[in-house]
Amino acid sequence: MNAYVNRFSFALNDREDEVSIVFAQEAPQFSDTGAINNISYEPAASLVMNRHMAIDLANKLLEALKSENTASTGASVQ
């Protein structure tokens, strides 16, 4: 299942060996006049991973985003 997200936050534990990442969607809420009167924040996914996996994820994302190949890329990290 895919979920559109436009916001994320992350935190490290005290030992800095695990990372928690929350992906969320922020969306405006409109009044009857069409004015934005609030912004809703809905978490879409929460992940906890070890430091090694977080570094691999960051590197793979950077690698894919810097690539000139516009095809969808899937990468498995072990």
N, C-alpha and C. Protein backbone atom coordinates (compact mmCIF):
# COMPACT_ATOMS: atom_id res chain seq x y z
N MET A 1 0.84 -1.17 0.00
CA MET A 1 0.00 0.00 0.00
C MET A 1 0.89 1.24 0.00
N ASN A 2 0.60 2.17 -0.88
CA ASN A 2 1.35 3.41 -0.97
C ASN A 2 0.59 4.53 -0.28
N ALA A 3 1.33 5.42 0.33
CA ALA A 3 0.74 6.59 0.97
C ALA A 3 1.58 7.80 0.58
N TYR A 4 0.93 8.86 0.14
CA TYR A 4 1.64 10.09 -0.19
C TYR A 4 2.03 10.78 1.11
N VAL A 5 3.28 11.21 1.21
CA VAL A 5 3.74 11.96 2.38
C VAL A 5 4.44 13.23 1.91
N ASN A 6 4.35 14.26 2.71
CA ASN A 6 5.03 15.50 2.39
C ASN A 6 5.76 16.07 3.61
N ARG A 7 5.96 15.19 4.58
CA ARG A 7 6.68 15.60 5.78
C ARG A 7 7.28 14.37 6.46
N PHE A 8 8.42 14.55 7.10
CA PHE A 8 8.97 13.48 7.91
C PHE A 8 9.73 14.09 9.08
N SER A 9 9.89 13.29 10.10
CA SER A 9 10.71 13.68 11.25
C SER A 9 11.48 12.44 11.68
N PHE A 10 12.58 12.65 12.38
CA PHE A 10 13.35 11.50 12.86
C PHE A 10 14.00 11.85 14.19
N ALA A 11 14.35 10.80 14.90
CA ALA A 11 15.01 10.96 16.20
C ALA A 11 15.96 9.79 16.40
N LEU A 12 17.06 10.07 17.09
CA LEU A 12 18.02 9.04 17.48
C LEU A 12 17.80 8.69 18.95
N ASN A 13 18.03 7.44 19.30
CA ASN A 13 17.96 7.08 20.72
C ASN A 13 19.20 7.61 21.43
N ASP A 14 19.24 7.46 22.75
CA ASP A 14 20.36 7.99 23.54
C ASP A 14 21.71 7.42 23.14
N ARG A 15 21.75 6.15 22.76
CA ARG A 15 23.00 5.51 22.37
C ARG A 15 23.36 5.80 20.91
N GLU A 16 22.46 6.43 20.19
CA GLU A 16 22.61 6.76 18.77
C GLU A 16 22.87 5.53 17.91
N ASP A 17 22.25 4.40 18.29
CA ASP A 17 22.39 3.19 17.50
C ASP A 17 21.06 2.77 16.85
N GLU A 18 20.00 3.52 17.11
CA GLU A 18 18.71 3.29 16.46
C GLU A 18 18.09 4.63 16.08
N VAL A 19 17.38 4.60 14.98
CA VAL A 19 16.73 5.80 14.47
C VAL A 19 15.24 5.52 14.31
N SER A 20 14.43 6.48 14.65
CA SER A 20 12.98 6.40 14.46
C SER A 20 12.61 7.46 13.43
N ILE A 21 11.87 7.03 12.40
CA ILE A 21 11.45 7.95 11.34
C ILE A 21 9.93 7.90 11.24
N VAL A 22 9.30 9.06 11.23
CA VAL A 22 7.85 9.15 11.05
C VAL A 22 7.60 9.92 9.75
N PHE A 23 6.89 9.27 8.83
CA PHE A 23 6.47 9.90 7.59
C PHE A 23 5.02 10.32 7.77
N ALA A 24 4.68 11.54 7.33
CA ALA A 24 3.34 12.06 7.56
C ALA A 24 2.84 12.87 6.38
N GLN A 25 1.56 13.16 6.42
CA GLN A 25 0.95 14.01 5.41
C GLN A 25 0.34 15.22 6.12
N GLU A 26 0.73 16.37 5.65
CA GLU A 26 0.14 17.63 6.10
C GLU A 26 -0.82 18.09 5.02
N ALA A 27 -2.01 18.46 5.42
CA ALA A 27 -3.00 18.91 4.44
C ALA A 27 -3.80 20.07 5.02
N PRO A 28 -4.09 21.06 4.18
CA PRO A 28 -4.88 22.20 4.67
C PRO A 28 -6.34 21.79 4.87
N GLN A 29 -6.97 22.40 5.85
CA GLN A 29 -8.41 22.25 6.05
C GLN A 29 -9.02 23.61 5.77
N PHE A 30 -10.06 23.62 4.93
CA PHE A 30 -10.64 24.87 4.47
C PHE A 30 -11.94 25.18 5.18
N SER A 31 -12.19 26.47 5.38
CA SER A 31 -13.46 26.92 5.93
C SER A 31 -14.49 27.00 4.80
N ASP A 32 -15.71 27.32 5.13
CA ASP A 32 -16.77 27.45 4.12
C ASP A 32 -16.47 28.56 3.11
N THR A 33 -15.67 29.54 3.51
CA THR A 33 -15.32 30.63 2.60
C THR A 33 -14.13 30.30 1.71
N GLY A 34 -13.51 29.14 1.96
CA GLY A 34 -12.35 28.74 1.16
C GLY A 34 -11.02 29.10 1.78
N ALA A 35 -11.05 29.77 2.92
CA ALA A 35 -9.81 30.13 3.61
C ALA A 35 -9.27 28.92 4.37
N ILE A 36 -7.97 28.83 4.44
CA ILE A 36 -7.36 27.76 5.23
C ILE A 36 -7.49 28.13 6.70
N ASN A 37 -8.14 27.25 7.45
CA ASN A 37 -8.30 27.56 8.87
C ASN A 37 -7.53 26.60 9.78
N ASN A 38 -6.91 25.59 9.18
CA ASN A 38 -6.14 24.65 9.99
C ASN A 38 -5.31 23.78 9.06
N ILE A 39 -4.28 23.19 9.60
CA ILE A 39 -3.47 22.22 8.87
C ILE A 39 -3.55 20.91 9.64
N SER A 40 -3.98 19.86 8.96
CA SER A 40 -4.03 18.56 9.63
C SER A 40 -2.71 17.83 9.42
N TYR A 41 -2.33 17.05 10.38
CA TYR A 41 -1.09 16.28 10.35
C TYR A 41 -1.46 14.83 10.63
N GLU A 42 -1.27 13.98 9.64
CA GLU A 42 -1.63 12.57 9.77
C GLU A 42 -0.41 11.70 9.53
N PRO A 43 0.08 11.01 10.56
CA PRO A 43 1.18 10.07 10.33
C PRO A 43 0.76 8.97 9.36
N ALA A 44 1.62 8.64 8.42
CA ALA A 44 1.33 7.60 7.43
C ALA A 44 2.12 6.32 7.72
N ALA A 45 3.32 6.46 8.27
CA ALA A 45 4.14 5.30 8.60
C ALA A 45 5.19 5.69 9.62
N SER A 46 5.50 4.77 10.50
CA SER A 46 6.56 4.96 11.48
C SER A 46 7.52 3.79 11.37
N LEU A 47 8.80 4.08 11.34
CA LEU A 47 9.82 3.05 11.21
C LEU A 47 10.87 3.22 12.30
N VAL A 48 11.36 2.12 12.80
CA VAL A 48 12.51 2.13 13.70
C VAL A 48 13.53 1.19 13.09
N MET A 49 14.77 1.65 12.97
CA MET A 49 15.82 0.83 12.38
C MET A 49 17.14 1.10 13.06
N ASN A 50 18.06 0.14 12.90
CA ASN A 50 19.38 0.34 13.49
C ASN A 50 20.17 1.35 12.66
N ARG A 51 21.23 1.82 13.25
CA ARG A 51 22.06 2.85 12.61
C ARG A 51 22.57 2.42 11.23
N HIS A 52 23.03 1.18 11.12
CA HIS A 52 23.55 0.66 9.85
C HIS A 52 22.48 0.73 8.76
N MET A 53 21.27 0.29 9.07
CA MET A 53 20.19 0.31 8.09
C MET A 53 19.82 1.75 7.71
N ALA A 54 19.81 2.66 8.67
CA ALA A 54 19.48 4.06 8.38
C ALA A 54 20.52 4.69 7.45
N ILE A 55 21.79 4.39 7.68
CA ILE A 55 22.86 4.90 6.82
C ILE A 55 22.71 4.33 5.41
N ASP A 56 22.43 3.03 5.31
CA ASP A 56 22.22 2.41 4.00
C ASP A 56 21.04 3.04 3.28
N LEU A 57 19.96 3.27 4.00
CA LEU A 57 18.78 3.90 3.41
C LEU A 57 19.13 5.29 2.87
N ALA A 58 19.80 6.09 3.68
CA ALA A 58 20.17 7.45 3.26
C ALA A 58 21.07 7.41 2.03
N ASN A 59 22.05 6.52 2.02
CA ASN A 59 22.95 6.42 0.88
C ASN A 59 22.23 5.97 -0.39
N LYS A 60 21.35 4.97 -0.26
CA LYS A 60 20.61 4.48 -1.43
C LYS A 60 19.69 5.56 -1.99
N LEU A 61 19.03 6.33 -1.11
CA LEU A 61 18.18 7.42 -1.58
C LEU A 61 18.99 8.48 -2.32
N LEU A 62 20.13 8.87 -1.74
CA LEU A 62 20.98 9.86 -2.40
C LEU A 62 21.49 9.36 -3.74
N GLU A 63 21.89 8.10 -3.78
CA GLU A 63 22.37 7.49 -5.01
C GLU A 63 21.28 7.51 -6.08
N ALA A 64 20.09 7.12 -5.73
CA ALA A 64 18.98 7.08 -6.68
C ALA A 64 18.58 8.49 -7.14
N LEU A 65 18.57 9.44 -6.24
CA LEU A 65 18.17 10.80 -6.59
C LEU A 65 19.21 11.53 -7.43
N LYS A 66 20.47 11.15 -7.30
CA LYS A 66 21.53 11.76 -8.10
C LYS A 66 21.67 11.11 -9.47
N SER A 67 21.07 9.94 -9.63
CA SER A 67 21.19 9.17 -10.86
C SER A 67 20.52 9.89 -12.02
N GLU A 68 21.12 9.75 -13.19
CA GLU A 68 20.53 10.32 -14.41
C GLU A 68 19.46 9.40 -14.96
N ASN A 69 19.43 8.17 -14.49
CA ASN A 69 18.44 7.20 -14.91
C ASN A 69 17.11 7.55 -14.24
N THR A 70 16.09 7.85 -15.03
CA THR A 70 14.81 8.25 -14.47
C THR A 70 13.89 7.07 -14.21
N ALA A 71 14.33 5.86 -14.54
CA ALA A 71 13.51 4.67 -14.29
C ALA A 71 13.39 4.44 -12.79
N SER A 72 12.29 3.87 -12.38
CA SER A 72 12.08 3.54 -10.97
C SER A 72 13.10 2.51 -10.54
N THR A 73 13.75 2.77 -9.43
CA THR A 73 14.80 1.89 -8.95
C THR A 73 14.40 1.30 -7.61
N GLY A 74 14.56 0.01 -7.49
CA GLY A 74 14.34 -0.65 -6.21
C GLY A 74 15.66 -1.24 -5.76
N ALA A 75 15.97 -1.08 -4.51
CA ALA A 75 17.24 -1.59 -3.99
C ALA A 75 16.97 -2.36 -2.72
N SER A 76 17.58 -3.51 -2.61
CA SER A 76 17.48 -4.31 -1.41
C SER A 76 18.76 -4.14 -0.62
N VAL A 77 18.63 -3.87 0.66
CA VAL A 77 19.79 -3.71 1.53
C VAL A 77 19.73 -4.82 2.57
N GLN A 78 20.86 -5.44 2.80
CA GLN A 78 20.89 -6.55 3.77
C GLN A 78 21.73 -6.19 4.96
